[in-house]
């Protein structure tokens, strides 16, 4: 069976985004620059405070929930009128995206195990170190065996690999 990737643009909220929203509320700023794609881009967003609810681009979020997110390494998605953790359970395993740093790619966590080192290094940096350690160079063919979210495969291509097969 062939899998066809379909891109869905969704607004993501990390602890960094939640912190910026709370700071904007505390300073009574009506607009704030926020990233809803984990730091790839930023946009000016109007924030309206209604007692215990904040409205961001039409999404209603409880302020108490935002405060909880500040202490969380989970990543959430604004979906319809709800905020949902980016995680799922399948085949006896629990998968989730884990926030690691401001404006850095997340890591995948499976049953509590990170697919990349995350202490003092971002997943992209970890992937690049792995590719350099494996001496990936121009023209090599690479087999990527479940090392995470594809960062190592991308780093291999960037280092000159002629092809990468991910399983």
Protein backbone atom coordinates (compact mmCIF):
# COMPACT_ATOMS: atom_id res chain seq x y z
CA UNK A 1 0.00 0.00 0.00
CA UNK A 2 1.38 3.40 -0.97
CA UNK A 3 1.06 6.36 1.37
CA UNK A 4 0.48 9.78 -0.14
CA UNK A 5 1.41 12.70 2.07
CA UNK A 6 -1.17 15.47 2.27
CA UNK A 7 -0.19 18.80 3.80
CA UNK A 8 -2.63 20.37 6.25
CA UNK A 9 -1.84 23.87 7.45
CA UNK A 10 -2.87 24.03 11.09
CA UNK A 11 -2.06 26.51 13.82
CA UNK A 12 0.25 24.97 16.42
CA UNK A 13 0.76 26.24 19.96
CA UNK A 14 3.84 25.47 22.01
CA UNK A 15 4.89 26.70 25.44
CA UNK A 16 6.72 29.54 23.67
CA UNK A 17 3.55 30.69 21.90
CA UNK A 18 1.49 30.37 25.09
CA UNK A 19 4.06 32.45 26.98
CA UNK A 20 3.91 35.23 24.38
CA UNK A 21 0.09 35.27 24.53
CA UNK A 22 0.06 35.52 28.35
CA UNK A 23 2.72 38.27 28.24
CA UNK A 24 0.59 40.21 25.74
CA UNK A 25 -2.44 39.87 28.02
CA UNK A 26 -0.44 41.04 31.04
CA UNK A 27 0.82 44.13 29.21
CA UNK A 28 -2.58 44.88 27.63
CA UNK A 29 -1.21 44.72 24.11
CA UNK A 30 -3.96 44.04 21.59
CA UNK A 31 -1.60 42.72 18.93
CA UNK A 32 1.38 40.41 19.28
CA UNK A 33 3.75 38.67 16.87
CA UNK A 34 3.16 34.93 17.17
CA UNK A 35 4.40 31.82 15.45
CA UNK A 36 1.86 29.09 14.83
CA UNK A 37 4.34 26.90 12.94
CA UNK A 38 6.99 26.34 15.63
CA UNK A 39 9.09 29.35 14.64
CA UNK A 40 9.17 29.08 10.86
CA UNK A 41 7.23 32.32 10.48
CA UNK A 42 5.54 34.97 12.59
CA UNK A 43 2.39 36.96 12.10
CA UNK A 44 0.72 39.88 13.85
CA UNK A 45 -2.26 38.49 15.73
CA UNK A 46 -5.06 40.37 17.45
CA UNK A 47 -5.69 39.08 20.96
CA UNK A 48 -8.93 39.84 22.77
CA UNK A 49 -9.38 39.08 26.45
CA UNK A 50 -12.87 38.20 27.71
CA UNK A 51 -12.61 37.42 31.43
CA UNK A 52 -11.18 33.88 31.49
CA UNK A 53 -11.12 33.39 27.70
CA UNK A 54 -8.73 34.76 25.10
CA UNK A 55 -9.72 34.95 21.43
CA UNK A 56 -6.94 34.53 18.89
CA UNK A 57 -7.90 34.69 15.23
CA UNK A 58 -11.39 33.50 16.13
CA UNK A 59 -10.17 30.63 18.33
CA UNK A 60 -11.39 30.76 21.92
CA UNK A 61 -8.87 29.46 24.46
CA UNK A 62 -9.21 29.42 28.22
CA UNK A 63 -6.48 31.50 29.86
CA UNK A 64 -5.96 28.78 32.50
CA UNK A 65 -5.22 26.28 29.72
CA UNK A 66 -2.65 28.66 28.20
CA UNK A 67 -1.00 28.96 31.62
CA UNK A 68 -0.81 25.15 31.82
CA UNK A 69 0.83 25.02 28.38
CA UNK A 70 3.66 27.26 29.60
CA UNK A 71 4.87 24.38 31.79
CA UNK A 72 4.31 21.72 29.12
CA UNK A 73 6.60 20.32 26.43
CA UNK A 74 3.59 19.15 24.44
CA UNK A 75 2.53 20.77 21.18
CA UNK A 76 -1.11 21.58 20.55
CA UNK A 77 -3.12 22.24 17.41
CA UNK A 78 -5.98 24.70 17.05
CA UNK A 79 -8.58 22.47 15.42
CA UNK A 80 -12.05 23.80 14.58
CA UNK A 81 -13.18 25.17 17.96
CA UNK A 82 -10.88 23.04 20.08
CA UNK A 83 -7.25 22.82 21.13
CA UNK A 84 -5.87 19.30 20.69
CA UNK A 85 -2.57 17.75 21.76
CA UNK A 86 -0.52 16.59 18.76
CA UNK A 87 -0.41 12.97 19.87
CA UNK A 88 -2.03 9.65 19.10
CA UNK A 89 -2.10 6.04 20.20
CA UNK A 90 -1.70 3.28 17.59
CA UNK A 91 -0.55 -0.33 17.56
CA UNK A 92 0.21 -0.28 21.27
CA UNK A 93 2.42 2.81 21.02
CA UNK A 94 1.89 6.41 22.13
CA UNK A 95 3.27 9.03 19.73
CA UNK A 96 3.56 12.75 20.34
CA UNK A 97 5.46 15.80 19.17
CA UNK A 98 7.65 17.26 21.89
CA UNK A 99 8.66 20.91 22.05
CA UNK A 100 12.41 21.28 22.62
CA UNK A 101 13.30 24.95 22.12
CA UNK A 102 12.12 28.28 20.79
CA UNK A 103 12.15 28.33 16.97
CA UNK A 104 13.46 24.76 16.76
CA UNK A 105 11.98 21.69 15.15
CA UNK A 106 10.25 19.33 17.59
CA UNK A 107 11.22 15.75 18.25
CA UNK A 108 9.00 12.73 18.01
CA UNK A 109 8.45 10.88 21.26
CA UNK A 110 7.31 7.25 21.15
CA UNK A 111 6.25 5.70 24.45
CA UNK A 112 8.32 8.32 26.26
CA UNK A 113 11.48 7.75 24.21
CA UNK A 114 12.78 10.71 22.20
CA UNK A 115 13.82 9.97 18.64
CA UNK A 116 16.58 12.61 18.93
CA UNK A 117 18.83 13.85 21.67
CA UNK A 118 17.30 17.01 23.10
CA UNK A 119 19.50 18.11 25.99
CA UNK A 120 21.75 20.93 24.82
CA UNK A 121 21.05 20.16 21.17
CA UNK A 122 18.10 20.51 18.79
CA UNK A 123 16.81 17.61 16.69
CA UNK A 124 18.26 19.22 13.52
CA UNK A 125 21.69 19.56 15.16
CA UNK A 126 21.47 15.97 16.42
CA UNK A 127 20.63 14.73 12.93
CA UNK A 128 23.52 16.64 11.38
CA UNK A 129 25.92 15.16 13.96
CA UNK A 130 24.67 11.64 13.14
CA UNK A 131 25.13 12.20 9.41
CA UNK A 132 28.64 13.58 9.90
CA UNK A 133 29.53 10.66 12.21
CA UNK A 134 28.30 8.23 9.54
CA UNK A 135 30.49 10.07 7.00
CA UNK A 136 27.61 10.57 4.57
CA UNK A 137 28.97 12.17 1.42
CA UNK A 138 28.17 12.88 -2.20
CA UNK A 139 26.83 9.91 -4.12
CA UNK A 140 26.17 7.56 -1.21
CA UNK A 141 22.86 5.75 -0.84
CA UNK A 142 21.42 5.94 2.68
CA UNK A 143 19.01 3.69 4.56
CA UNK A 144 17.23 5.68 7.28
CA UNK A 145 15.75 3.28 9.82
CA UNK A 146 13.21 5.06 11.99
CA UNK A 147 15.37 7.86 13.34
CA UNK A 148 12.52 10.30 13.90
CA UNK A 149 10.70 12.80 11.74
CA UNK A 150 12.93 12.63 8.66
CA UNK A 151 15.53 15.16 9.81
CA UNK A 152 18.36 12.64 9.33
CA UNK A 153 17.12 11.77 5.84
CA UNK A 154 17.02 15.47 4.94
CA UNK A 155 20.47 16.07 6.44
CA UNK A 156 21.81 13.10 4.43
CA UNK A 157 20.52 14.58 1.18
CA UNK A 158 21.93 17.99 2.16
CA UNK A 159 25.34 16.35 2.72
CA UNK A 160 25.24 14.92 -0.81
CA UNK A 161 23.63 11.48 -0.54
CA UNK A 162 22.27 10.46 -3.95
CA UNK A 163 19.20 8.85 -2.40
CA UNK A 164 17.65 8.01 0.96
CA UNK A 165 15.24 5.19 1.70
CA UNK A 166 13.34 5.64 4.97
CA UNK A 167 11.64 2.73 6.68
